[in-house]
Amino acid sequence: MKRSARRTGGRHGEGPAEGFRPVGSVLDDVLQALKLETRFAAAEATDRWATTVGPKVLARTRCVGVRDGELLVEVKGAVWMGHLAVLRQGILDQMNRTLEPDQRLRAIRFVPMRSKEVIER
C-alpha cells in the first residue's frame, strides 16, 4: 500500500510538509512550558537556605519554594519570625553570593508555618 506524500512529509528529497516542525523546536517549546529552569532555580535556592542558616534556624523553618524571585519560607513561632525578619537582608545577601546570577533572589518572605506538625531534622 502506497503512503500519501502529504502524510509522510513529502517525497524523498523534499522538505517537511507544511505544518510540521523539527523535533528539536517542539522539544524546546515543551521544556519552556514546563518551566524547568525556574524549578531548578527554586530547588537550588531552597538547598542554599539549609546551608546558609544553619541547624537551629533550619529546625524551625521550611522552604516552600520560589516565586518571581522571592523565596517563601514558613517559620514556626512568632519569636523566630521576628528574629529572622531582622536577619533577612543578611541571609538574602549571603544566599545570593552563592547562587548563579540568573538564580539570585530578590526577596525572602516569611510566613507562619501552616501545619501543626513538628519538624524533625
PDB file of N, CA and C in Angstrom:
ATOM      1  N   MET A   1       0.842  -1.163   0.000  1.00  0.00           N
ATOM      2  CA  MET A   1       0.000   0.000   0.000  1.00  0.00           C
ATOM      3  C   MET A   1       0.895   1.236   0.000  1.00  0.00           C
ATOM      4  N   LYS A   2       0.589   2.175  -0.878  1.00  0.00           N
ATOM      5  CA  LYS A   2       1.400   3.377  -1.035  1.00  0.00           C
ATOM      6  C   LYS A   2       0.931   4.447  -0.055  1.00  0.00           C
ATOM      7  N   ARG A   3       1.890   5.066   0.681  1.00  0.00           N
ATOM      8  CA  ARG A   3       1.556   6.140   1.614  1.00  0.00           C
ATOM      9  C   ARG A   3       1.403   7.447   0.874  1.00  0.00           C
ATOM     10  N   SER A   4       0.576   8.281   1.392  1.00  0.00           N
ATOM     11  CA  SER A   4       0.374   9.600   0.816  1.00  0.00           C
ATOM     12  C   SER A   4       1.603  10.468   1.064  1.00  0.00           C
ATOM     13  N   ALA A   5       1.994  11.254   0.080  1.00  0.00           N
ATOM     14  CA  ALA A   5       3.127  12.161   0.239  1.00  0.00           C
ATOM     15  C   ALA A   5       2.836  13.191   1.315  1.00  0.00           C
ATOM     16  N   ARG A   6       1.586  13.584   1.426  1.00  0.00           N
ATOM     17  CA  ARG A   6       1.215  14.588   2.430  1.00  0.00           C
ATOM     18  C   ARG A   6       1.397  14.046   3.844  1.00  0.00           C
ATOM     19  N   ARG A   7       1.038  12.809   4.082  1.00  0.00           N
ATOM     20  CA  ARG A   7       1.131  12.218   5.413  1.00  0.00           C
ATOM     21  C   ARG A   7       2.576  12.005   5.830  1.00  0.00           C
ATOM     22  N   THR A   8       3.451  11.658   4.935  1.00  0.00           N
ATOM     23  CA  THR A   8       4.841  11.349   5.293  1.00  0.00           C
ATOM     24  C   THR A   8       5.754  12.549   5.210  1.00  0.00           C
ATOM     25  N   GLY A   9       5.241  13.696   4.773  1.00  0.00           N
ATOM     26  CA  GLY A   9       6.082  14.879   4.749  1.00  0.00           C
ATOM     27  C   GLY A   9       6.670  15.145   3.382  1.00  0.00           C
ATOM     28  N   GLY A  10       6.182  14.503   2.353  1.00  0.00           N
ATOM     29  CA  GLY A  10       6.670  14.773   1.004  1.00  0.00           C
ATOM     30  C   GLY A  10       7.426  13.595   0.454  1.00  0.00           C
ATOM     31  N   ARG A  11       7.791  13.716  -0.802  1.00  0.00           N
ATOM     32  CA  ARG A  11       8.558  12.660  -1.451  1.00  0.00           C
ATOM     33  C   ARG A  11      10.007  12.731  -1.021  1.00  0.00           C
ATOM     34  N   HIS A  12      10.723  11.683  -1.291  1.00  0.00           N
ATOM     35  CA  HIS A  12      12.143  11.618  -0.945  1.00  0.00           C
ATOM     36  C   HIS A  12      12.869  12.838  -1.503  1.00  0.00           C
ATOM     37  N   GLY A  13      13.608  13.532  -0.616  1.00  0.00           N
ATOM     38  CA  GLY A  13      14.376  14.678  -1.049  1.00  0.00           C
ATOM     39  C   GLY A  13      13.651  16.003  -0.858  1.00  0.00           C
ATOM     40  N   GLU A  14      12.352  15.952  -0.592  1.00  0.00           N
ATOM     41  CA  GLU A  14      11.612  17.191  -0.370  1.00  0.00           C
ATOM     42  C   GLU A  14      11.642  17.549   1.103  1.00  0.00           C
ATOM     43  N   GLY A  15      11.376  18.802   1.415  1.00  0.00           N
ATOM     44  CA  GLY A  15      11.327  19.263   2.800  1.00  0.00           C
ATOM     45  C   GLY A  15      10.082  18.744   3.496  1.00  0.00           C
ATOM     46  N   PRO A  16       9.937  19.042   4.782  1.00  0.00           N
ATOM     47  CA  PRO A  16       8.780  18.567   5.536  1.00  0.00           C
ATOM     48  C   PRO A  16       7.495  19.223   5.024  1.00  0.00           C
ATOM     49  N   ALA A  17       6.410  18.500   5.182  1.00  0.00           N
ATOM     50  CA  ALA A  17       5.116  19.023   4.771  1.00  0.00           C
ATOM     51  C   ALA A  17       4.756  20.238   5.614  1.00  0.00           C
ATOM     52  N   GLU A  18       3.929  21.080   5.050  1.00  0.00           N
ATOM     53  CA  GLU A  18       3.512  22.290   5.752  1.00  0.00           C
ATOM     54  C   GLU A  18       2.845  21.922   7.076  1.00  0.00           C
ATOM     55  N   GLY A  19       3.184  22.650   8.145  1.00  0.00           N
ATOM     56  CA  GLY A  19       2.586  22.380   9.447  1.00  0.00           C
ATOM     57  C   GLY A  19       3.458  21.519  10.350  1.00  0.00           C
ATOM     58  N   PHE A  20       4.431  20.830   9.781  1.00  0.00           N
ATOM     59  CA  PHE A  20       5.314  20.011  10.594  1.00  0.00           C
ATOM     60  C   PHE A  20       6.526  20.834  11.005  1.00  0.00           C
ATOM     61  N   ARG A  21       7.032  20.560  12.214  1.00  0.00           N
ATOM     62  CA  ARG A  21       8.205  21.279  12.718  1.00  0.00           C
ATOM     63  C   ARG A  21       9.261  20.274  13.144  1.00  0.00           C
ATOM     64  N   PRO A  22      10.514  20.689  13.123  1.00  0.00           N
ATOM     65  CA  PRO A  22      11.576  19.780  13.596  1.00  0.00           C
ATOM     66  C   PRO A  22      11.356  19.431  15.068  1.00  0.00           C
ATOM     67  N   VAL A  23      11.699  18.212  15.427  1.00  0.00           N
ATOM     68  CA  VAL A  23      11.520  17.732  16.797  1.00  0.00           C
ATOM     69  C   VAL A  23      12.221  18.642  17.799  1.00  0.00           C
ATOM     70  N   GLY A  24      13.396  19.124  17.469  1.00  0.00           N
ATOM     71  CA  GLY A  24      14.151  19.992  18.378  1.00  0.00           C
ATOM     72  C   GLY A  24      13.384  21.234  18.770  1.00  0.00           C
ATOM     73  N   SER A  25      12.703  21.850  17.818  1.00  0.00           N
ATOM     74  CA  SER A  25      11.961  23.067  18.149  1.00  0.00           C
ATOM     75  C   SER A  25      10.722  22.753  18.981  1.00  0.00           C
ATOM     76  N   VAL A  26      10.118  21.594  18.744  1.00  0.00           N
ATOM     77  CA  VAL A  26       8.963  21.182  19.554  1.00  0.00           C
ATOM     78  C   VAL A  26       9.410  20.909  20.987  1.00  0.00           C
ATOM     79  N   LEU A  27      10.543  20.244  21.153  1.00  0.00           N
ATOM     80  CA  LEU A  27      11.057  19.954  22.497  1.00  0.00           C
ATOM     81  C   LEU A  27      11.403  21.234  23.244  1.00  0.00           C
ATOM     82  N   ASP A  28      11.972  22.207  22.555  1.00  0.00           N
ATOM     83  CA  ASP A  28      12.268  23.494  23.192  1.00  0.00           C
ATOM     84  C   ASP A  28      10.994  24.116  23.751  1.00  0.00           C
ATOM     85  N   ASP A  29       9.924  24.068  22.963  1.00  0.00           N
ATOM     86  CA  ASP A  29       8.645  24.623  23.414  1.00  0.00           C
ATOM     87  C   ASP A  29       8.099  23.871  24.620  1.00  0.00           C
ATOM     88  N   VAL A  30       8.193  22.544  24.581  1.00  0.00           N
ATOM     89  CA  VAL A  30       7.698  21.728  25.691  1.00  0.00           C
ATOM     90  C   VAL A  30       8.493  22.010  26.961  1.00  0.00           C
ATOM     91  N   LEU A  31       9.806  22.055  26.857  1.00  0.00           N
ATOM     92  CA  LEU A  31      10.651  22.327  28.024  1.00  0.00           C
ATOM     93  C   LEU A  31      10.390  23.717  28.587  1.00  0.00           C
ATOM     94  N   GLN A  32      10.175  24.672  27.712  1.00  0.00           N
ATOM     95  CA  GLN A  32       9.882  26.031  28.165  1.00  0.00           C
ATOM     96  C   GLN A  32       8.536  26.067  28.891  1.00  0.00           C
ATOM     97  N   ALA A  33       7.560  25.326  28.384  1.00  0.00           N
ATOM     98  CA  ALA A  33       6.238  25.282  29.017  1.00  0.00           C
ATOM     99  C   ALA A  33       6.305  24.622  30.393  1.00  0.00           C
ATOM    100  N   LEU A  34       7.200  23.672  30.568  1.00  0.00           N
ATOM    101  CA  LEU A  34       7.345  23.005  31.864  1.00  0.00           C
ATOM    102  C   LEU A  34       8.041  23.878  32.895  1.00  0.00           C
ATOM    103  N   LYS A  35       8.666  24.960  32.453  1.00  0.00           N
ATOM    104  CA  LYS A  35       9.363  25.910  33.324  1.00  0.00           C
ATOM    105  C   LYS A  35      10.415  25.210  34.189  1.00  0.00           C
ATOM    106  N   LEU A  36      11.155  24.305  33.570  1.00  0.00           N
ATOM    107  CA  LEU A  36      12.162  23.547  34.312  1.00  0.00           C
ATOM    108  C   LEU A  36      13.268  24.437  34.851  1.00  0.00           C
ATOM    109  N   GLU A  37      13.677  25.451  34.092  1.00  0.00           N
ATOM    110  CA  GLU A  37      14.734  26.333  34.578  1.00  0.00           C
ATOM    111  C   GLU A  37      14.313  27.022  35.865  1.00  0.00           C
ATOM    112  N   THR A  38      13.059  27.445  35.914  1.00  0.00           N
ATOM    113  CA  THR A  38      12.530  28.090  37.120  1.00  0.00           C
ATOM    114  C   THR A  38      12.507  27.102  38.276  1.00  0.00           C
ATOM    115  N   ARG A  39      12.119  25.874  37.995  1.00  0.00           N
ATOM    116  CA  ARG A  39      12.058  24.857  39.050  1.00  0.00           C
ATOM    117  C   ARG A  39      13.446  24.495  39.552  1.00  0.00           C
ATOM    118  N   PHE A  40      14.412  24.414  38.650  1.00  0.00           N
ATOM    119  CA  PHE A  40      15.778  24.129  39.074  1.00  0.00           C
ATOM    120  C   PHE A  40      16.330  25.263  39.922  1.00  0.00           C
ATOM    121  N   ALA A  41      16.038  26.498  39.539  1.00  0.00           N
ATOM    122  CA  ALA A  41      16.487  27.657  40.311  1.00  0.00           C
ATOM    123  C   ALA A  41      15.863  27.634  41.697  1.00  0.00           C
ATOM    124  N   ALA A  42      14.591  27.276  41.778  1.00  0.00           N
ATOM    125  CA  ALA A  42      13.905  27.196  43.068  1.00  0.00           C
ATOM    126  C   ALA A  42      14.517  26.103  43.930  1.00  0.00           C
ATOM    127  N   ALA A  43      14.819  24.972  43.341  1.00  0.00           N
ATOM    128  CA  ALA A  43      15.427  23.876  44.098  1.00  0.00           C
ATOM    129  C   ALA A  43      16.802  24.282  44.617  1.00  0.00           C
ATOM    130  N   GLU A  44      17.557  24.969  43.798  1.00  0.00           N
ATOM    131  CA  GLU A  44      18.886  25.424  44.209  1.00  0.00           C
ATOM    132  C   GLU A  44      18.779  26.404  45.376  1.00  0.00           C
ATOM    133  N   ALA A  45      17.835  27.324  45.299  1.00  0.00           N
ATOM    134  CA  ALA A  45      17.659  28.323  46.364  1.00  0.00           C
ATOM    135  C   ALA A  45      17.225  27.660  47.664  1.00  0.00           C
ATOM    136  N   THR A  46      16.329  26.692  47.595  1.00  0.00           N
ATOM    137  CA  THR A  46      15.894  26.032  48.832  1.00  0.00           C
ATOM    138  C   THR A  46      17.027  25.198  49.431  1.00  0.00           C
ATOM    139  N   ASP A  47      17.874  24.619  48.579  1.00  0.00           N
ATOM    140  CA  ASP A  47      19.050  23.900  49.095  1.00  0.00           C
ATOM    141  C   ASP A  47      20.007  24.869  49.788  1.00  0.00           C
ATOM    142  N   ARG A  48      20.176  26.043  49.223  1.00  0.00           N
ATOM    143  CA  ARG A  48      21.076  27.036  49.805  1.00  0.00           C
ATOM    144  C   ARG A  48      20.551  27.560  51.139  1.00  0.00           C
ATOM    145  N   TRP A  49      19.245  27.577  51.326  1.00  0.00           N
ATOM    146  CA  TRP A  49      18.670  28.010  52.595  1.00  0.00           C
ATOM    147  C   TRP A  49      19.252  27.158  53.724  1.00  0.00           C
ATOM    148  N   ALA A  50      19.240  25.858  53.528  1.00  0.00           N
ATOM    149  CA  ALA A  50      19.712  24.929  54.559  1.00  0.00           C
ATOM    150  C   ALA A  50      21.173  25.169  54.910  1.00  0.00           C
ATOM    151  N   THR A  51      21.992  25.407  53.930  1.00  0.00           N
ATOM    152  CA  THR A  51      23.420  25.600  54.206  1.00  0.00           C
ATOM    153  C   THR A  51      23.722  27.008  54.710  1.00  0.00           C
ATOM    154  N   THR A  52      22.861  27.957  54.415  1.00  0.00           N
ATOM    155  CA  THR A  52      23.099  29.341  54.822  1.00  0.00           C
ATOM    156  C   THR A  52      22.698  29.598  56.267  1.00  0.00           C
ATOM    157  N   VAL A  53      21.548  29.094  56.693  1.00  0.00           N
ATOM    158  CA  VAL A  53      21.016  29.471  58.005  1.00  0.00           C
ATOM    159  C   VAL A  53      21.502  28.597  59.157  1.00  0.00           C
ATOM    160  N   GLY A  54      21.909  27.400  58.883  1.00  0.00           N
ATOM    161  CA  GLY A  54      22.386  26.531  59.949  1.00  0.00           C
ATOM    162  C   GLY A  54      21.276  25.731  60.620  1.00  0.00           C
ATOM    163  N   PRO A  55      21.674  24.782  61.472  1.00  0.00           N
ATOM    164  CA  PRO A  55      20.716  23.812  62.021  1.00  0.00           C
ATOM    165  C   PRO A  55      19.647  24.398  62.954  1.00  0.00           C
ATOM    166  N   LYS A  56      19.979  25.412  63.749  1.00  0.00           N
ATOM    167  CA  LYS A  56      18.982  25.963  64.677  1.00  0.00           C
ATOM    168  C   LYS A  56      17.814  26.605  63.921  1.00  0.00           C
ATOM    169  N   VAL A  57      18.136  27.411  62.932  1.00  0.00           N
ATOM    170  CA  VAL A  57      17.090  28.055  62.138  1.00  0.00           C
ATOM    171  C   VAL A  57      16.390  27.010  61.265  1.00  0.00           C
ATOM    172  N   LEU A  58      17.146  26.106  60.704  1.00  0.00           N
ATOM    173  CA  LEU A  58      16.581  25.084  59.842  1.00  0.00           C
ATOM    174  C   LEU A  58      15.542  24.236  60.578  1.00  0.00           C
ATOM    175  N   ALA A  59      15.787  24.008  61.874  1.00  0.00           N
ATOM    176  CA  ALA A  59      14.847  23.204  62.676  1.00  0.00           C
ATOM    177  C   ALA A  59      13.507  23.908  62.873  1.00  0.00           C
ATOM    178  N   ARG A  60      13.455  25.207  62.639  1.00  0.00           N
ATOM    179  CA  ARG A  60      12.221  25.980  62.871  1.00  0.00           C
ATOM    180  C   ARG A  60      11.644  26.586  61.600  1.00  0.00           C
ATOM    181  N   THR A  61      12.191  26.198  60.462  1.00  0.00           N
ATOM    182  CA  THR A  61      11.731  26.751  59.190  1.00  0.00           C
ATOM    183  C   THR A  61      11.558  25.654  58.148  1.00  0.00           C
ATOM    184  N   ARG A  62      10.830  26.014  57.106  1.00  0.00           N
ATOM    185  CA  ARG A  62      10.663  25.098  55.967  1.00  0.00           C
ATOM    186  C   ARG A  62      10.517  25.958  54.709  1.00  0.00           C
ATOM    187  N   CYS A  63      11.408  25.743  53.751  1.00  0.00           N
ATOM    188  CA  CYS A  63      11.304  26.464  52.471  1.00  0.00           C
ATOM    189  C   CYS A  63      10.155  25.858  51.677  1.00  0.00           C
ATOM    190  N   VAL A  64       9.301  26.732  51.191  1.00  0.00           N
ATOM    191  CA  VAL A  64       8.152  26.281  50.415  1.00  0.00           C
ATOM    192  C   VAL A  64       8.464  26.346  48.927  1.00  0.00           C
ATOM    193  N   GLY A  65       9.245  27.329  48.508  1.00  0.00           N
ATOM    194  CA  GLY A  65       9.603  27.450  47.106  1.00  0.00           C
ATOM    195  C   GLY A  65       9.974  28.872  46.746  1.00  0.00           C
ATOM    196  N   VAL A  66      10.112  29.096  45.442  1.00  0.00           N
ATOM    197  CA  VAL A  66      10.475  30.409  44.924  1.00  0.00           C
ATOM    198  C   VAL A  66       9.433  30.805  43.890  1.00  0.00           C
ATOM    199  N   ARG A  67       8.986  32.049  43.994  1.00  0.00           N
ATOM    200  CA  ARG A  67       8.037  32.576  43.003  1.00  0.00           C
ATOM    201  C   ARG A  67       8.453  33.999  42.659  1.00  0.00           C
ATOM    202  N   ASP A  68       8.683  34.225  41.375  1.00  0.00           N
ATOM    203  CA  ASP A  68       9.097  35.545  40.892  1.00  0.00           C
ATOM    204  C   ASP A  68      10.297  36.093  41.661  1.00  0.00           C
ATOM    205  N   GLY A  69      11.258  35.227  41.939  1.00  0.00           N
ATOM    206  CA  GLY A  69      12.479  35.657  42.605  1.00  0.00           C
ATOM    207  C   GLY A  69      12.368  35.836  44.102  1.00  0.00           C
ATOM    208  N   GLU A  70      11.241  35.440  44.675  1.00  0.00           N
ATOM    209  CA  GLU A  70      11.038  35.585  46.118  1.00  0.00           C
ATOM    210  C   GLU A  70      11.007  34.196  46.759  1.00  0.00           C
ATOM    211  N   LEU A  71      11.895  33.989  47.740  1.00  0.00           N
ATOM    212  CA  LEU A  71      11.938  32.731  48.473  1.00  0.00           C
ATOM    213  C   LEU A  71      10.884  32.771  49.573  1.00  0.00           C
ATOM    214  N   LEU A  72      10.008  31.790  49.575  1.00  0.00           N
ATOM    215  CA  LEU A  72       8.952  31.712  50.581  1.00  0.00           C
ATOM    216  C   LEU A  72       9.364  30.694  51.640  1.00  0.00           C
ATOM    217  N   VAL A  73       9.405  31.158  52.891  1.00  0.00           N
ATOM    218  CA  VAL A  73       9.859  30.316  53.996  1.00  0.00           C
ATOM    219  C   VAL A  73       8.806  30.317  55.097  1.00  0.00           C
ATOM    220  N   GLU A  74       8.361  29.127  55.470  1.00  0.00           N
ATOM    221  CA  GLU A  74       7.455  29.003  56.605  1.00  0.00           C
ATOM    222  C   GLU A  74       8.283  28.973  57.880  1.00  0.00           C
ATOM    223  N   VAL A  75       7.791  29.669  58.911  1.00  0.00           N
ATOM    224  CA  VAL A  75       8.520  29.789  60.173  1.00  0.00           C
ATOM    225  C   VAL A  75       7.608  29.335  61.311  1.00  0.00           C
ATOM    226  N   LYS A  76       8.186  28.544  62.206  1.00  0.00           N
ATOM    227  CA  LYS A  76       7.447  28.055  63.365  1.00  0.00           C
ATOM    228  C   LYS A  76       7.643  29.029  64.525  1.00  0.00           C
ATOM    229  N   GLY A  77       6.582  29.760  64.853  1.00  0.00           N
ATOM    230  CA  GLY A  77       6.626  30.640  66.016  1.00  0.00           C
ATOM    231  C   GLY A  77       6.885  32.092  65.684  1.00  0.00           C
ATOM    232  N   ALA A  78       6.171  32.960  66.385  1.00  0.00           N
ATOM    233  CA  ALA A  78       6.272  34.409  66.163  1.00  0.00           C
ATOM    234  C   ALA A  78       7.640  34.954  66.560  1.00  0.00           C
ATOM    235  N   VAL A  79       8.235  34.397  67.608  1.00  0.00           N
ATOM    236  CA  VAL A  79       9.546  34.876  68.047  1.00  0.00           C
ATOM    237  C   VAL A  79      10.584  34.650  66.950  1.00  0.00           C
ATOM    238  N   TRP A  80      10.573  33.462  66.359  1.00  0.00           N
ATOM    239  CA  TRP A  80      11.514  33.172  65.277  1.00  0.00           C
ATOM    240  C   TRP A  80      11.196  33.987  64.031  1.00  0.00           C
ATOM    241  N   MET A  81       9.930  34.255  63.794  1.00  0.00           N
ATOM    242  CA  MET A  81       9.555  35.084  62.649  1.00  0.00           C
ATOM    243  C   MET A  81      10.174  36.479  62.808  1.00  0.00           C
ATOM    244  N   GLY A  82      10.082  37.040  63.996  1.00  0.00           N
ATOM    245  CA  GLY A  82      10.670  38.355  64.253  1.00  0.00           C
ATOM    246  C   GLY A  82      12.179  38.339  64.162  1.00  0.00           C
ATOM    247  N   HIS A  83      12.786  37.301  64.716  1.00  0.00           N
ATOM    248  CA  HIS A  83      14.239  37.164  64.685  1.00  0.00           C
ATOM    249  C   HIS A  83      14.742  37.089  63.243  1.00  0.00           C
ATOM    250  N   LEU A  84      14.086  36.283  62.426  1.00  0.00           N
ATOM    251  CA  LEU A  84      14.504  36.127  61.034  1.00  0.00           C
ATOM    252  C   LEU A  84      14.240  37.389  60.212  1.00  0.00           C
ATOM    253  N   ALA A  85      13.201  38.128  60.575  1.00  0.00           N
ATOM    254  CA  ALA A  85      12.922  39.381  59.869  1.00  0.00           C
ATOM    255  C   ALA A  85      14.096  40.350  60.022  1.00  0.00           C
ATOM    256  N   VAL A  86      14.699  40.353  61.196  1.00  0.00           N
ATOM    257  CA  VAL A  86      15.861  41.209  61.439  1.00  0.00           C
ATOM    258  C   VAL A  86      17.067  40.729  60.619  1.00  0.00           C
ATOM    259  N   LEU A  87      17.209  39.424  60.476  1.00  0.00           N
ATOM    260  CA  LEU A  87      18.351  38.835  59.768  1.00  0.00           C
ATOM    261  C   LEU A  87      18.133  38.682  58.263  1.00  0.00           C
ATOM    262  N   ARG A  88      16.931  38.988  57.790  1.00  0.00           N
ATOM    263  CA  ARG A  88      16.527  38.721  56.401  1.00  0.00           C
ATOM    264  C   ARG A  88      17.535  39.214  55.359  1.00  0.00           C
ATOM    265  N   GLN A  89      17.934  40.469  55.413  1.00  0.00           N
ATOM    266  CA  GLN A  89      18.804  41.022  54.374  1.00  0.00           C
ATOM    267  C   GLN A  89      20.172  40.341  54.364  1.00  0.00           C
ATOM    268  N   GLY A  90      20.715  40.055  55.539  1.00  0.00           N
ATOM    269  CA  GLY A  90      21.995  39.356  55.603  1.00  0.00           C
ATOM    270  C   GLY A  90      21.907  37.955  55.024  1.00  0.00           C
ATOM    271  N   ILE A  91      20.822  37.263  55.319  1.00  0.00           N
ATOM    272  CA  ILE A  91      20.624  35.915  54.765  1.00  0.00           C
ATOM    273  C   ILE A  91      20.486  35.998  53.251  1.00  0.00           C
ATOM    274  N   LEU A  92      19.703  36.954  52.774  1.00  0.00           N
ATOM    275  CA  LEU A  92      19.496  37.132  51.336  1.00  0.00           C
ATOM    276  C   LEU A  92      20.820  37.421  50.626  1.00  0.00           C
ATOM    277  N   ASP A  93      21.602  38.333  51.188  1.00  0.00           N
ATOM    278  CA  ASP A  93      22.894  38.673  50.588  1.00  0.00           C
ATOM    279  C   ASP A  93      23.819  37.461  50.541  1.00  0.00           C
ATOM    280  N   GLN A  94      23.861  36.713  51.632  1.00  0.00           N
ATOM    281  CA  GLN A  94      24.727  35.533  51.680  1.00  0.00           C
ATOM    282  C   GLN A  94      24.281  34.474  50.674  1.00  0.00           C
ATOM    283  N   MET A  95      22.983  34.259  50.564  1.00  0.00           N
ATOM    284  CA  MET A  95      22.484  33.278  49.592  1.00  0.00           C
ATOM    285  C   MET A  95      22.798  33.715  48.169  1.00  0.00           C
ATOM    286  N   ASN A  96      22.587  34.983  47.867  1.00  0.00           N
ATOM    287  CA  ASN A  96      22.815  35.473  46.506  1.00  0.00           C
ATOM    288  C   ASN A  96      24.284  35.430  46.104  1.00  0.00           C
ATOM    289  N   ARG A  97      25.187  35.508  47.072  1.00  0.00           N
ATOM    290  CA  ARG A  97      26.618  35.382  46.756  1.00  0.00           C
ATOM    291  C   ARG A  97      26.951  33.982  46.250  1.00  0.00           C
ATOM    292  N   THR A  98      26.177  32.988  46.640  1.00  0.00           N
ATOM    293  CA  THR A  98      26.478  31.613  46.250  1.00  0.00           C
ATOM    294  C   THR A  98      25.625  31.105  45.088  1.00  0.00           C
ATOM    295  N   LEU A  99      24.624  31.881  44.675  1.00  0.00           N
ATOM    296  CA  LEU A  99      23.757  31.476  43.567  1.00  0.00           C
ATOM    297  C   LEU A  99      24.249  32.069  42.255  1.00  0.00           C
ATOM    298  N   GLU A 100      23.968  31.383  41.160  1.00  0.00           N
ATOM    299  CA  GLU A 100      24.289  31.902  39.832  1.00  0.00           C
ATOM    300  C   GLU A 100      23.478  33.175  39.591  1.00  0.00           C
ATOM    301  N   PRO A 101      23.979  34.082  38.770  1.00  0.00           N
ATOM    302  CA  PRO A 101      23.272  35.351  38.539  1.00  0.00           C
ATOM    303  C   PRO A 101      21.804  35.191  38.134  1.00  0.00           C
ATOM    304  N   ASP A 102      21.502  34.207  37.294  1.00  0.00           N
ATOM    305  CA  ASP A 102      20.118  34.027  36.851  1.00  0.00           C
ATOM    306  C   ASP A 102      19.244  33.323  37.894  1.00  0.00           C
ATOM    307  N   GLN A 103      19.838  32.889  39.006  1.00  0.00           N
ATOM    308  CA  GLN A 103      19.095  32.213  40.065  1.00  0.00           C
ATOM    309  C   GLN A 103      18.951  33.073  41.317  1.00  0.00           C
ATOM    310  N   ARG A 104      19.523  34.255  41.305  1.00  0.00           N
ATOM    311  CA  ARG A 104      19.527  35.094  42.504  1.00  0.00           C
ATOM    312  C   ARG A 104      18.125  35.512  42.897  1.00  0.00           C
ATOM    313  N   LEU A 105      17.965  35.693  44.201  1.00  0.00           N
ATOM    314  CA  LEU A 105      16.665  36.044  44.782  1.00  0.00           C
ATOM    315  C   LEU A 105      16.546  37.551  44.936  1.00  0.00           C
ATOM    316  N   ARG A 106      15.344  38.056  44.823  1.00  0.00           N
ATOM    317  CA  ARG A 106      15.125  39.485  45.051  1.00  0.00           C
ATOM    318  C   ARG A 106      14.604  39.731  46.461  1.00  0.00           C
ATOM    319  N   ALA A 107      14.057  38.693  47.113  1.00  0.00           N
ATOM    320  CA  ALA A 107      13.494  38.872  48.451  1.00  0.00           C
ATOM    321  C   ALA A 107      13.294  37.515  49.123  1.00  0.00           C
ATOM    322  N   ILE A 108      13.123  37.576  50.450  1.00  0.00           N
ATOM    323  CA  ILE A 108      12.719  36.415  51.241  1.00  0.00           C
ATOM    324  C   ILE A 108      11.458  36.819  51.989  1.00  0.00           C
ATOM    325  N   ARG A 109      10.439  35.986  51.901  1.00  0.00           N
ATOM    326  CA  ARG A 109       9.188  36.270  52.622  1.00  0.00           C
ATOM    327  C   ARG A 109       8.968  35.175  53.655  1.00  0.00           C
ATOM    328  N   PHE A 110       8.772  35.606  54.894  1.00  0.00           N
ATOM    329  CA  PHE A 110       8.499  34.677  55.985  1.00  0.00           C
ATOM    330  C   PHE A 110       7.001  34.658  56.265  1.00  0.00           C
ATOM    331  N   VAL A 111       6.472  33.454  56.393  1.00  0.00           N
ATOM    332  CA  VAL A 111       5.051  33.281  56.707  1.00  0.00           C
ATOM    333  C   VAL A 111       4.933  32.270  57.845  1.00  0.00           C
ATOM    334  N   PRO A 112       3.846  32.342  58.623  1.00  0.00           N
ATOM    335  CA  PRO A 112       3.664  31.355  59.691  1.00  0.00           C
ATOM    336  C   PRO A 112       3.548  29.947  59.107  1.00  0.00           C
ATOM    337  N   MET A 113       4.109  28.991  59.810  1.00  0.00           N
ATOM    338  CA  MET A 113       4.035  27.612  59.371  1.00  0.00           C
ATOM    339  C   MET A 113       2.584  27.164  59.377  1.00  0.00           C
ATOM    340  N   ARG A 114       2.154  26.562  58.288  1.00  0.00           N
ATOM    341  CA  ARG A 114       0.750  26.195  58.121  1.00  0.00           C
ATOM    342  C   ARG A 114       0.324  24.999  58.943  1.00  0.00           C
ATOM    343  N   SER A 115       1.166  24.015  59.036  1.00  0.00           N
ATOM    344  CA  SER A 115       0.752  22.803  59.742  1.00  0.00           C
ATOM    345  C   SER A 115       1.260  22.820  61.178  1.00  0.00           C
ATOM    346  N   LYS A 116       0.598  22.061  62.015  1.00  0.00           N
ATOM    347  CA  LYS A 116       0.981  21.979  63.424  1.00  0.00           C
ATOM    348  C   LYS A 116       2.044  20.916  63.662  1.00  0.00           C
ATOM    349  N   GLU A 117       2.405  20.176  62.617  1.00  0.00           N
ATOM    350  CA  GLU A 117       3.367  19.096  62.786  1.00  0.00           C
ATOM    351  C   GLU A 117       4.736  19.634  63.182  1.00  0.00           C
ATOM    352  N   VAL A 118       5.445  18.852  63.935  1.00  0.00           N
ATOM    353  CA  VAL A 118       6.780  19.224  64.391  1.00  0.00           C
ATOM    354  C   VAL A 118       7.761  18.857  63.281  1.00  0.00           C
ATOM    355  N   ILE A 119       8.657  19.759  63.004  1.00  0.00           N
ATOM    356  CA  ILE A 119       9.691  19.475  62.009  1.00  0.00           C
ATOM    357  C   ILE A 119      10.790  18.681  62.679  1.00  0.00           C
ATOM    358  N   GLU A 120      11.054  17.527  62.117  1.00  0.00           N
ATOM    359  CA  GLU A 120      12.132  16.688  62.661  1.00  0.00           C
ATOM    360  C   GLU A 120      13.273  16.683  61.681  1.00  0.00           C
ATOM    361  N   ARG A 121      14.439  16.968  62.164  1.00  0.00           N
ATOM    362  CA  ARG A 121      15.631  17.001  61.306  1.00  0.00           C
ATOM    363  C   ARG A 121      16.695  16.137  61.927  1.00  0.00           C
TER     364      ARG A 121
END
